[in-house]
PDB file of N, CA and C in Angstrom:
ATOM      1  N   UNK A   1     -61.268 -84.870 179.638  1.00  0.00           N
ATOM      2  CA  UNK A   1     -59.946 -85.424 179.840  1.00  0.00           C
ATOM      3  C   UNK A   1     -59.992 -86.942 179.856  1.00  0.00           C
ATOM      4  N   UNK A   2     -60.872 -87.485 180.665  1.00  0.00           N
ATOM      5  CA  UNK A   2     -61.001 -88.936 180.737  1.00  0.00           C
ATOM      6  C   UNK A   2     -61.463 -89.505 179.407  1.00  0.00           C
ATOM      7  N   UNK A   3     -62.376 -88.784 178.756  1.00  0.00           N
ATOM      8  CA  UNK A   3     -62.906 -89.243 177.471  1.00  0.00           C
ATOM      9  C   UNK A   3     -61.818 -89.287 176.406  1.00  0.00           C
ATOM     10  N   UNK A   4     -60.967 -88.275 176.376  1.00  0.00           N
ATOM     11  CA  UNK A   4     -59.889 -88.261 175.384  1.00  0.00           C
ATOM     12  C   UNK A   4     -58.876 -89.360 175.677  1.00  0.00           C
ATOM     13  N   UNK A   5     -58.600 -89.619 176.956  1.00  0.00           N
ATOM     14  CA  UNK A   5     -57.687 -90.709 177.315  1.00  0.00           C
ATOM     15  C   UNK A   5     -58.251 -92.052 176.876  1.00  0.00           C
ATOM     16  N   UNK A   6     -59.545 -92.239 177.061  1.00  0.00           N
ATOM     17  CA  UNK A   6     -60.168 -93.499 176.661  1.00  0.00           C
ATOM     18  C   UNK A   6     -60.129 -93.671 175.147  1.00  0.00           C
ATOM     19  N   UNK A   7     -60.308 -92.581 174.403  1.00  0.00           N
ATOM     20  CA  UNK A   7     -60.243 -92.665 172.944  1.00  0.00           C
ATOM     21  C   UNK A   7     -58.835 -93.048 172.494  1.00  0.00           C
ATOM     22  N   UNK A   8     -57.827 -92.444 173.121  1.00  0.00           N
ATOM     23  CA  UNK A   8     -56.438 -92.745 172.770  1.00  0.00           C
ATOM     24  C   UNK A   8     -56.128 -94.202 173.068  1.00  0.00           C
ATOM     25  N   UNK A   9     -56.534 -94.669 174.244  1.00  0.00           N
ATOM     26  CA  UNK A   9     -56.280 -96.062 174.614  1.00  0.00           C
ATOM     27  C   UNK A   9     -57.028 -96.999 173.675  1.00  0.00           C
ATOM     28  N   UNK A  10     -58.250 -96.660 173.324  1.00  0.00           N
ATOM     29  CA  UNK A  10     -59.034 -97.492 172.416  1.00  0.00           C
ATOM     30  C   UNK A  10     -58.356 -97.599 171.052  1.00  0.00           C
ATOM     31  N   UNK A  11     -57.888 -96.466 170.527  1.00  0.00           N
ATOM     32  CA  UNK A  11     -57.195 -96.483 169.240  1.00  0.00           C
ATOM     33  C   UNK A  11     -55.892 -97.277 169.320  1.00  0.00           C
ATOM     34  N   UNK A  12     -55.153 -97.105 170.423  1.00  0.00           N
ATOM     35  CA  UNK A  12     -53.913 -97.855 170.607  1.00  0.00           C
ATOM     36  C   UNK A  12     -54.186 -99.355 170.670  1.00  0.00           C
ATOM     37  N   UNK A  13     -55.243 -99.723 171.356  1.00  0.00           N
ATOM     38  CA  UNK A  13     -55.582-101.147 171.487  1.00  0.00           C
ATOM     39  C   UNK A  13     -55.934-101.736 170.128  1.00  0.00           C
ATOM     40  N   UNK A  14     -56.721-101.008 169.343  1.00  0.00           N
ATOM     41  CA  UNK A  14     -57.099-101.507 168.017  1.00  0.00           C
ATOM     42  C   UNK A  14     -55.867-101.694 167.142  1.00  0.00           C
ATOM     43  N   UNK A  15     -54.965-100.719 167.183  1.00  0.00           N
ATOM     44  CA  UNK A  15     -53.738-100.802 166.387  1.00  0.00           C
ATOM     45  C   UNK A  15     -52.883-101.983 166.830  1.00  0.00           C
ATOM     46  N   UNK A  16     -52.729-102.141 168.137  1.00  0.00           N
ATOM     47  CA  UNK A  16     -51.914-103.242 168.649  1.00  0.00           C
ATOM     48  C   UNK A  16     -52.497-104.602 168.294  1.00  0.00           C
ATOM     49  N   UNK A  17     -53.800-104.723 168.389  1.00  0.00           N
ATOM     50  CA  UNK A  17     -54.436-106.004 168.063  1.00  0.00           C
ATOM     51  C   UNK A  17     -54.274-106.314 166.575  1.00  0.00           C
ATOM     52  N   UNK A  18     -54.456-105.306 165.721  1.00  0.00           N
ATOM     53  CA  UNK A  18     -54.285-105.533 164.282  1.00  0.00           C
ATOM     54  C   UNK A  18     -52.846-105.930 163.965  1.00  0.00           C
ATOM     55  N   UNK A  19     -51.891-105.235 164.582  1.00  0.00           N
ATOM     56  CA  UNK A  19     -50.487-105.575 164.359  1.00  0.00           C
ATOM     57  C   UNK A  19     -50.165-106.981 164.849  1.00  0.00           C
ATOM     58  N   UNK A  20     -50.711-107.337 165.998  1.00  0.00           N
ATOM     59  CA  UNK A  20     -50.467-108.673 166.546  1.00  0.00           C
ATOM     60  C   UNK A  20     -51.072-109.749 165.640  1.00  0.00           C
ATOM     61  N   UNK A  21     -52.259-109.487 165.106  1.00  0.00           N
ATOM     62  CA  UNK A  21     -52.872-110.443 164.194  1.00  0.00           C
ATOM     63  C   UNK A  21     -52.022-110.628 162.944  1.00  0.00           C
ATOM     64  N   UNK A  22     -51.511-109.534 162.436  1.00  0.00           N
ATOM     65  CA  UNK A  22     -50.651-109.611 161.251  1.00  0.00           C
ATOM     66  C   UNK A  22     -49.391-110.410 161.548  1.00  0.00           C
ATOM     67  N   UNK A  23     -48.793-110.156 162.702  1.00  0.00           N
ATOM     68  CA  UNK A  23     -47.587-110.885 163.070  1.00  0.00           C
ATOM     69  C   UNK A  23     -47.856-112.376 163.235  1.00  0.00           C
ATOM     70  N   UNK A  24     -48.957-112.710 163.879  1.00  0.00           N
ATOM     71  CA  UNK A  24     -49.256-114.134 164.085  1.00  0.00           C
ATOM     72  C   UNK A  24     -49.583-114.835 162.768  1.00  0.00           C
ATOM     73  N   UNK A  25     -50.207-114.133 161.840  1.00  0.00           N
ATOM     74  CA  UNK A  25     -50.452-114.728 160.524  1.00  0.00           C
ATOM     75  C   UNK A  25     -49.138-114.948 159.795  1.00  0.00           C
ATOM     76  N   UNK A  26     -48.221-114.006 159.934  1.00  0.00           N
ATOM     77  CA  UNK A  26     -46.902-114.169 159.309  1.00  0.00           C
ATOM     78  C   UNK A  26     -46.135-115.303 159.978  1.00  0.00           C
ATOM     79  N   UNK A  27     -46.279-115.440 161.283  1.00  0.00           N
ATOM     80  CA  UNK A  27     -45.571-116.481 162.019  1.00  0.00           C
ATOM     81  C   UNK A  27     -46.083-117.864 161.643  1.00  0.00           C
ATOM     82  N   UNK A  28     -47.344-117.961 161.268  1.00  0.00           N
ATOM     83  CA  UNK A  28     -47.905-119.254 160.880  1.00  0.00           C
ATOM     84  C   UNK A  28     -47.244-119.779 159.612  1.00  0.00           C
ATOM     85  N   UNK A  29     -46.826-118.856 158.751  1.00  0.00           N
ATOM     86  CA  UNK A  29     -46.202-119.264 157.488  1.00  0.00           C
ATOM     87  C   UNK A  29     -44.705-119.528 157.644  1.00  0.00           C
ATOM     88  N   UNK A  30     -44.128-119.005 158.722  1.00  0.00           N
ATOM     89  CA  UNK A  30     -42.685-119.162 158.914  1.00  0.00           C
ATOM     90  C   UNK A  30     -42.368-120.363 159.794  1.00  0.00           C
ATOM     91  N   UNK A  31     -41.123-120.799 159.719  1.00  0.00           N
ATOM     92  CA  UNK A  31     -40.679-121.888 160.587  1.00  0.00           C
ATOM     93  C   UNK A  31     -39.311-121.520 161.151  1.00  0.00           C
ATOM     94  N   UNK A  32     -38.965-122.199 162.210  1.00  0.00           N
ATOM     95  CA  UNK A  32     -37.633-122.044 162.773  1.00  0.00           C
ATOM     96  C   UNK A  32     -37.462-120.770 163.573  1.00  0.00           C
ATOM     97  N   UNK A  33     -36.267-120.208 163.472  1.00  0.00           N
ATOM     98  CA  UNK A  33     -35.878-119.066 164.291  1.00  0.00           C
ATOM     99  C   UNK A  33     -36.695-117.818 163.964  1.00  0.00           C
ATOM    100  N   UNK A  34     -36.989-117.599 162.684  1.00  0.00           N
ATOM    101  CA  UNK A  34     -37.784-116.428 162.293  1.00  0.00           C
ATOM    102  C   UNK A  34     -39.182-116.492 162.894  1.00  0.00           C
ATOM    103  N   UNK A  35     -39.768-117.656 162.906  1.00  0.00           N
ATOM    104  CA  UNK A  35     -41.109-117.815 163.465  1.00  0.00           C
ATOM    105  C   UNK A  35     -41.096-117.504 164.957  1.00  0.00           C
ATOM    106  N   UNK A  36     -40.074-117.981 165.656  1.00  0.00           N
ATOM    107  CA  UNK A  36     -39.976-117.695 167.083  1.00  0.00           C
ATOM    108  C   UNK A  36     -39.832-116.195 167.331  1.00  0.00           C
ATOM    109  N   UNK A  37     -39.046-115.535 166.491  1.00  0.00           N
ATOM    110  CA  UNK A  37     -38.847-114.096 166.635  1.00  0.00           C
ATOM    111  C   UNK A  37     -40.166-113.343 166.426  1.00  0.00           C
ATOM    112  N   UNK A  38     -40.916-113.729 165.404  1.00  0.00           N
ATOM    113  CA  UNK A  38     -42.189-113.068 165.112  1.00  0.00           C
ATOM    114  C   UNK A  38     -43.187-113.325 166.232  1.00  0.00           C
ATOM    115  N   UNK A  39     -43.238-114.547 166.727  1.00  0.00           N
ATOM    116  CA  UNK A  39     -44.141-114.869 167.840  1.00  0.00           C
ATOM    117  C   UNK A  39     -43.775-114.066 169.087  1.00  0.00           C
ATOM    118  N   UNK A  40     -42.493-113.943 169.360  1.00  0.00           N
ATOM    119  CA  UNK A  40     -42.059-113.170 170.529  1.00  0.00           C
ATOM    120  C   UNK A  40     -42.440-111.696 170.385  1.00  0.00           C
ATOM    121  N   UNK A  41     -42.289-111.140 169.181  1.00  0.00           N
ATOM    122  CA  UNK A  41     -42.705-109.754 168.952  1.00  0.00           C
ATOM    123  C   UNK A  41     -44.209-109.609 169.173  1.00  0.00           C
ATOM    124  N   UNK A  42     -44.960-110.562 168.705  1.00  0.00           N
ATOM    125  CA  UNK A  42     -46.412-110.539 168.898  1.00  0.00           C
ATOM    126  C   UNK A  42     -46.785-110.603 170.369  1.00  0.00           C
ATOM    127  N   UNK A  43     -46.098-111.450 171.107  1.00  0.00           N
ATOM    128  CA  UNK A  43     -46.390-111.558 172.542  1.00  0.00           C
ATOM    129  C   UNK A  43     -46.032-110.258 173.271  1.00  0.00           C
ATOM    130  N   UNK A  44     -44.929-109.627 172.874  1.00  0.00           N
ATOM    131  CA  UNK A  44     -44.573-108.343 173.485  1.00  0.00           C
ATOM    132  C   UNK A  44     -45.636-107.287 173.187  1.00  0.00           C
ATOM    133  N   UNK A  45     -46.152-107.294 171.963  1.00  0.00           N
ATOM    134  CA  UNK A  45     -47.202-106.336 171.607  1.00  0.00           C
ATOM    135  C   UNK A  45     -48.460-106.568 172.436  1.00  0.00           C
ATOM    136  N   UNK A  46     -48.817-107.822 172.615  1.00  0.00           N
ATOM    137  CA  UNK A  46     -50.002-108.129 173.418  1.00  0.00           C
ATOM    138  C   UNK A  46     -49.782-107.768 174.883  1.00  0.00           C
ATOM    139  N   UNK A  47     -48.569-107.977 175.388  1.00  0.00           N
ATOM    140  CA  UNK A  47     -48.265-107.573 176.761  1.00  0.00           C
ATOM    141  C   UNK A  47     -48.379-106.062 176.921  1.00  0.00           C
ATOM    142  N   UNK A  48     -47.918-105.324 175.908  1.00  0.00           N
ATOM    143  CA  UNK A  48     -48.029-103.869 175.930  1.00  0.00           C
ATOM    144  C   UNK A  48     -49.499-103.451 175.934  1.00  0.00           C
ATOM    145  N   UNK A  49     -50.300-104.104 175.117  1.00  0.00           N
ATOM    146  CA  UNK A  49     -51.733-103.788 175.065  1.00  0.00           C
ATOM    147  C   UNK A  49     -52.395-104.059 176.407  1.00  0.00           C
ATOM    148  N   UNK A  50     -52.026-105.161 177.028  1.00  0.00           N
ATOM    149  CA  UNK A  50     -52.602-105.496 178.331  1.00  0.00           C
ATOM    150  C   UNK A  50     -52.202-104.469 179.378  1.00  0.00           C
ATOM    151  N   UNK A  51     -50.945-104.047 179.360  1.00  0.00           N
ATOM    152  CA  UNK A  51     -50.485-103.037 180.316  1.00  0.00           C
ATOM    153  C   UNK A  51     -51.229-101.722 180.125  1.00  0.00           C
ATOM    154  N   UNK A  52     -51.436-101.314 178.876  1.00  0.00           N
ATOM    155  CA  UNK A  52     -52.160-100.068 178.608  1.00  0.00           C
ATOM    156  C   UNK A  52     -53.610-100.180 179.045  1.00  0.00           C
ATOM    157  N   UNK A  53     -54.203-101.330 178.835  1.00  0.00           N
ATOM    158  CA  UNK A  53     -55.594-101.526 179.257  1.00  0.00           C
ATOM    159  C   UNK A  53     -55.703-101.452 180.776  1.00  0.00           C
ATOM    160  N   UNK A  54     -54.737-102.021 181.461  1.00  0.00           N
ATOM    161  CA  UNK A  54     -54.753-101.968 182.924  1.00  0.00           C
ATOM    162  C   UNK A  54     -54.553-100.538 183.418  1.00  0.00           C
ATOM    163  N   UNK A  55     -53.685 -99.765 182.744  1.00  0.00           N
ATOM    164  CA  UNK A  55     -53.493 -98.359 183.106  1.00  0.00           C
ATOM    165  C   UNK A  55     -54.780 -97.568 182.896  1.00  0.00           C
ATOM    166  N   UNK A  56     -55.448 -97.831 181.783  1.00  0.00           N
ATOM    167  CA  UNK A  56     -56.713 -97.134 181.507  1.00  0.00           C
ATOM    168  C   UNK A  56     -57.767 -97.497 182.540  1.00  0.00           C
ATOM    169  N   UNK A  57     -57.789 -98.765 182.931  1.00  0.00           N
ATOM    170  CA  UNK A  57     -58.746 -99.197 183.949  1.00  0.00           C
ATOM    171  C   UNK A  57     -58.460 -98.507 185.275  1.00  0.00           C
ATOM    172  N   UNK A  58     -57.200 -98.425 185.642  1.00  0.00           N
ATOM    173  CA  UNK A  58     -56.836 -97.781 186.902  1.00  0.00           C
ATOM    174  C   UNK A  58     -57.209 -96.304 186.892  1.00  0.00           C
ATOM    175  N   UNK A  59     -56.955 -95.611 185.783  1.00  0.00           N
ATOM    176  CA  UNK A  59     -57.309 -94.190 185.726  1.00  0.00           C
ATOM    177  C   UNK A  59     -58.825 -94.003 185.724  1.00  0.00           C
ATOM    178  N   UNK A  60     -59.554 -94.921 185.100  1.00  0.00           N
ATOM    179  CA  UNK A  60     -61.020 -94.831 185.110  1.00  0.00           C
ATOM    180  C   UNK A  60     -61.562 -95.050 186.516  1.00  0.00           C
ATOM    181  N   UNK A  61     -60.953 -95.947 187.262  1.00  0.00           N
ATOM    182  CA  UNK A  61     -61.387 -96.189 188.645  1.00  0.00           C
ATOM    183  C   UNK A  61     -61.140 -94.948 189.496  1.00  0.00           C
ATOM    184  N   UNK A  62     -59.954 -94.347 189.337  1.00  0.00           N
ATOM    185  CA  UNK A  62     -59.641 -93.140 190.092  1.00  0.00           C
ATOM    186  C   UNK A  62     -60.616 -92.021 189.741  1.00  0.00           C
ATOM    187  N   UNK A  63     -60.874 -91.828 188.456  1.00  0.00           N
ATOM    188  CA  UNK A  63     -61.806 -90.782 188.034  1.00  0.00           C
ATOM    189  C   UNK A  63     -63.218 -91.058 188.561  1.00  0.00           C
ATOM    190  N   UNK A  64     -63.628 -92.303 188.547  1.00  0.00           N
ATOM    191  CA  UNK A  64     -64.943 -92.663 189.075  1.00  0.00           C
ATOM    192  C   UNK A  64     -65.063 -92.382 190.560  1.00  0.00           C
ATOM    193  N   UNK A  65     -64.004 -92.680 191.295  1.00  0.00           N
ATOM    194  CA  UNK A  65     -64.017 -92.405 192.733  1.00  0.00           C
ATOM    195  C   UNK A  65     -64.061 -90.908 193.007  1.00  0.00           C
ATOM    196  N   UNK A  66     -63.328 -90.128 192.189  1.00  0.00           N
ATOM    197  CA  UNK A  66     -63.359 -88.674 192.349  1.00  0.00           C
ATOM    198  C   UNK A  66     -64.753 -88.124 192.068  1.00  0.00           C
ATOM    199  N   UNK A  67     -65.398 -88.621 191.013  1.00  0.00           N
ATOM    200  CA  UNK A  67     -66.752 -88.160 190.690  1.00  0.00           C
ATOM    201  C   UNK A  67     -67.737 -88.552 191.788  1.00  0.00           C
ATOM    202  N   UNK A  68     -67.584 -89.752 192.327  1.00  0.00           N
ATOM    203  CA  UNK A  68     -68.478 -90.194 193.395  1.00  0.00           C
ATOM    204  C   UNK A  68     -68.287 -89.329 194.640  1.00  0.00           C
ATOM    205  N   UNK A  69     -67.039 -89.001 194.960  1.00  0.00           N
ATOM    206  CA  UNK A  69     -66.775 -88.149 196.120  1.00  0.00           C
ATOM    207  C   UNK A  69     -67.348 -86.751 195.903  1.00  0.00           C
ATOM    208  N   UNK A  70     -67.229 -86.246 194.684  1.00  0.00           N
ATOM    209  CA  UNK A  70     -67.769 -84.932 194.363  1.00  0.00           C
ATOM    210  C   UNK A  70     -69.294 -84.930 194.487  1.00  0.00           C
ATOM    211  N   UNK A  71     -69.927 -85.964 193.957  1.00  0.00           N
ATOM    212  CA  UNK A  71     -71.387 -86.070 194.047  1.00  0.00           C
ATOM    213  C   UNK A  71     -71.823 -86.205 195.499  1.00  0.00           C
ATOM    214  N   UNK A  72     -71.082 -86.969 196.267  1.00  0.00           N
ATOM    215  CA  UNK A  72     -71.401 -87.149 197.684  1.00  0.00           C
ATOM    216  C   UNK A  72     -71.312 -85.810 198.418  1.00  0.00           C
ATOM    217  N   UNK A  73     -70.262 -85.054 198.129  1.00  0.00           N
ATOM    218  CA  UNK A  73     -70.112 -83.735 198.757  1.00  0.00           C
ATOM    219  C   UNK A  73     -71.238 -82.798 198.377  1.00  0.00           C
ATOM    220  N   UNK A  74     -71.642 -82.809 197.114  1.00  0.00           N
ATOM    221  CA  UNK A  74     -72.735 -81.952 196.664  1.00  0.00           C
ATOM    222  C   UNK A  74     -74.037 -82.324 197.369  1.00  0.00           C
ATOM    223  N   UNK A  75     -74.307 -83.612 197.467  1.00  0.00           N
ATOM    224  CA  UNK A  75     -75.551 -84.053 198.107  1.00  0.00           C
ATOM    225  C   UNK A  75     -75.554 -83.671 199.589  1.00  0.00           C
ATOM    226  N   UNK A  76     -74.398 -83.778 200.244  1.00  0.00           N
ATOM    227  CA  UNK A  76     -74.334 -83.406 201.666  1.00  0.00           C
ATOM    228  C   UNK A  76     -74.504 -81.903 201.862  1.00  0.00           C
ATOM    229  N   UNK A  77     -73.999 -81.100 200.902  1.00  0.00           N
ATOM    230  CA  UNK A  77     -74.143 -79.648 201.005  1.00  0.00           C
ATOM    231  C   UNK A  77     -75.526 -79.171 200.582  1.00  0.00           C
ATOM    232  N   UNK A  78     -76.169 -79.871 199.668  1.00  0.00           N
ATOM    233  CA  UNK A  78     -77.468 -79.459 199.113  1.00  0.00           C
ATOM    234  C   UNK A  78     -78.447 -80.635 199.131  1.00  0.00           C
ATOM    235  N   UNK A  79     -78.876 -81.084 200.301  1.00  0.00           N
ATOM    236  CA  UNK A  79     -79.734 -82.278 200.332  1.00  0.00           C
ATOM    237  C   UNK A  79     -81.094 -82.069 199.664  1.00  0.00           C
ATOM    238  N   UNK A  80     -81.692 -80.889 199.825  1.00  0.00           N
ATOM    239  CA  UNK A  80     -83.010 -80.679 199.247  1.00  0.00           C
ATOM    240  C   UNK A  80     -82.954 -80.570 197.724  1.00  0.00           C
ATOM    241  N   UNK A  81     -81.895 -79.987 197.207  1.00  0.00           N
ATOM    242  CA  UNK A  81     -81.733 -79.935 195.755  1.00  0.00           C
ATOM    243  C   UNK A  81     -81.550 -81.337 195.190  1.00  0.00           C
ATOM    244  N   UNK A  82     -80.791 -82.149 195.903  1.00  0.00           N
ATOM    245  CA  UNK A  82     -80.562 -83.523 195.444  1.00  0.00           C
ATOM    246  C   UNK A  82     -81.870 -84.315 195.454  1.00  0.00           C
ATOM    247  N   UNK A  83     -82.664 -84.113 196.493  1.00  0.00           N
ATOM    248  CA  UNK A  83     -83.961 -84.808 196.572  1.00  0.00           C
ATOM    249  C   UNK A  83     -84.874 -84.345 195.441  1.00  0.00           C
ATOM    250  N   UNK A  84     -84.886 -83.037 195.193  1.00  0.00           N
ATOM    251  CA  UNK A  84     -85.738 -82.501 194.116  1.00  0.00           C
ATOM    252  C   UNK A  84     -85.270 -83.018 192.755  1.00  0.00           C
ATOM    253  N   UNK A  85     -83.965 -83.062 192.550  1.00  0.00           N
ATOM    254  CA  UNK A  85     -83.444 -83.562 191.279  1.00  0.00           C
ATOM    255  C   UNK A  85     -83.782 -85.033 191.093  1.00  0.00           C
ATOM    256  N   UNK A  86     -83.624 -85.818 192.140  1.00  0.00           N
ATOM    257  CA  UNK A  86     -83.939 -87.251 192.052  1.00  0.00           C
ATOM    258  C   UNK A  86     -85.433 -87.456 191.797  1.00  0.00           C
ATOM    259  N   UNK A  87     -86.274 -86.657 192.455  1.00  0.00           N
ATOM    260  CA  UNK A  87     -87.715 -86.768 192.236  1.00  0.00           C
ATOM    261  C   UNK A  87     -88.069 -86.380 190.800  1.00  0.00           C
ATOM    262  N   UNK A  88     -87.437 -85.335 190.280  1.00  0.00           N
ATOM    263  CA  UNK A  88     -87.692 -84.913 188.900  1.00  0.00           C
ATOM    264  C   UNK A  88     -87.297 -85.983 187.894  1.00  0.00           C
ATOM    265  N   UNK A  89     -86.137 -86.585 188.112  1.00  0.00           N
ATOM    266  CA  UNK A  89     -85.689 -87.647 187.205  1.00  0.00           C
ATOM    267  C   UNK A  89     -86.630 -88.842 187.297  1.00  0.00           C
ATOM    268  N   UNK A  90     -87.032 -89.186 188.510  1.00  0.00           N
ATOM    269  CA  UNK A  90     -87.964 -90.296 188.696  1.00  0.00           C
ATOM    270  C   UNK A  90     -89.305 -90.035 188.033  1.00  0.00           C
ATOM    271  N   UNK A  91     -89.808 -88.811 188.151  1.00  0.00           N
ATOM    272  CA  UNK A  91     -91.077 -88.444 187.513  1.00  0.00           C
ATOM    273  C   UNK A  91     -90.950 -88.513 185.989  1.00  0.00           C
ATOM    274  N   UNK A  92     -89.846 -87.985 185.468  1.00  0.00           N
ATOM    275  CA  UNK A  92     -89.620 -88.019 184.027  1.00  0.00           C
ATOM    276  C   UNK A  92     -89.544 -89.458 183.510  1.00  0.00           C
ATOM    277  N   UNK A  93     -88.817 -90.296 184.195  1.00  0.00           N
ATOM    278  CA  UNK A  93     -88.731 -91.698 183.796  1.00  0.00           C
ATOM    279  C   UNK A  93     -90.089 -92.402 183.898  1.00  0.00           C
ATOM    280  N   UNK A  94     -90.841 -92.072 184.950  1.00  0.00           N
ATOM    281  CA  UNK A  94     -92.170 -92.667 185.107  1.00  0.00           C
ATOM    282  C   UNK A  94     -93.097 -92.279 183.969  1.00  0.00           C
ATOM    283  N   UNK A  95     -93.030 -91.039 183.540  1.00  0.00           N
ATOM    284  CA  UNK A  95     -93.862 -90.586 182.420  1.00  0.00           C
ATOM    285  C   UNK A  95     -93.441 -91.278 181.128  1.00  0.00           C
ATOM    286  N   UNK A  96     -92.130 -91.337 180.904  1.00  0.00           N
ATOM    287  CA  UNK A  96     -91.640 -91.968 179.677  1.00  0.00           C
ATOM    288  C   UNK A  96     -91.994 -93.456 179.642  1.00  0.00           C
ATOM    289  N   UNK A  97     -91.766 -94.147 180.735  1.00  0.00           N
ATOM    290  CA  UNK A  97     -92.046 -95.585 180.770  1.00  0.00           C
ATOM    291  C   UNK A  97     -93.535 -95.869 180.836  1.00  0.00           C
ATOM    292  N   UNK A  98     -94.326 -94.958 181.395  1.00  0.00           N
ATOM    293  CA  UNK A  98     -95.767 -95.149 181.475  1.00  0.00           C
ATOM    294  C   UNK A  98     -96.453 -95.058 180.131  1.00  0.00           C
ATOM    295  N   UNK A  99     -95.840 -94.418 179.192  1.00  0.00           N
ATOM    296  CA  UNK A  99     -96.442 -94.295 177.865  1.00  0.00           C
ATOM    297  C   UNK A  99     -96.378 -95.589 177.074  1.00  0.00           C
ATOM    298  N   UNK A 100     -95.456 -96.421 177.394  1.00  0.00           N
ATOM    299  CA  UNK A 100     -95.266 -97.664 176.610  1.00  0.00           C
ATOM    300  C   UNK A 100     -96.194 -98.719 177.042  1.00  0.00           C
TER     301      UNK A 100
END
């Protein structure tokens, strides 16, 4: 779920940035009232992109806190399994890094 949301936000951000770049390039060639209109549209697009990025950041923080709480609960319920898992990961990393 979080992964699909991040992909959607990433695609939206890329599209918005490309559109904003196109608008600003068009605004550079224009003068007067039309240029102001194009610049304002570009700024609105960038504001939208910033708002979406902030929403994605907020949802990622919430999801991270939920995962941390879940992991904390698991470790409190199964301390010996957590210790064994951590020791196994540490041993595996030690073997991998010791070969180099």
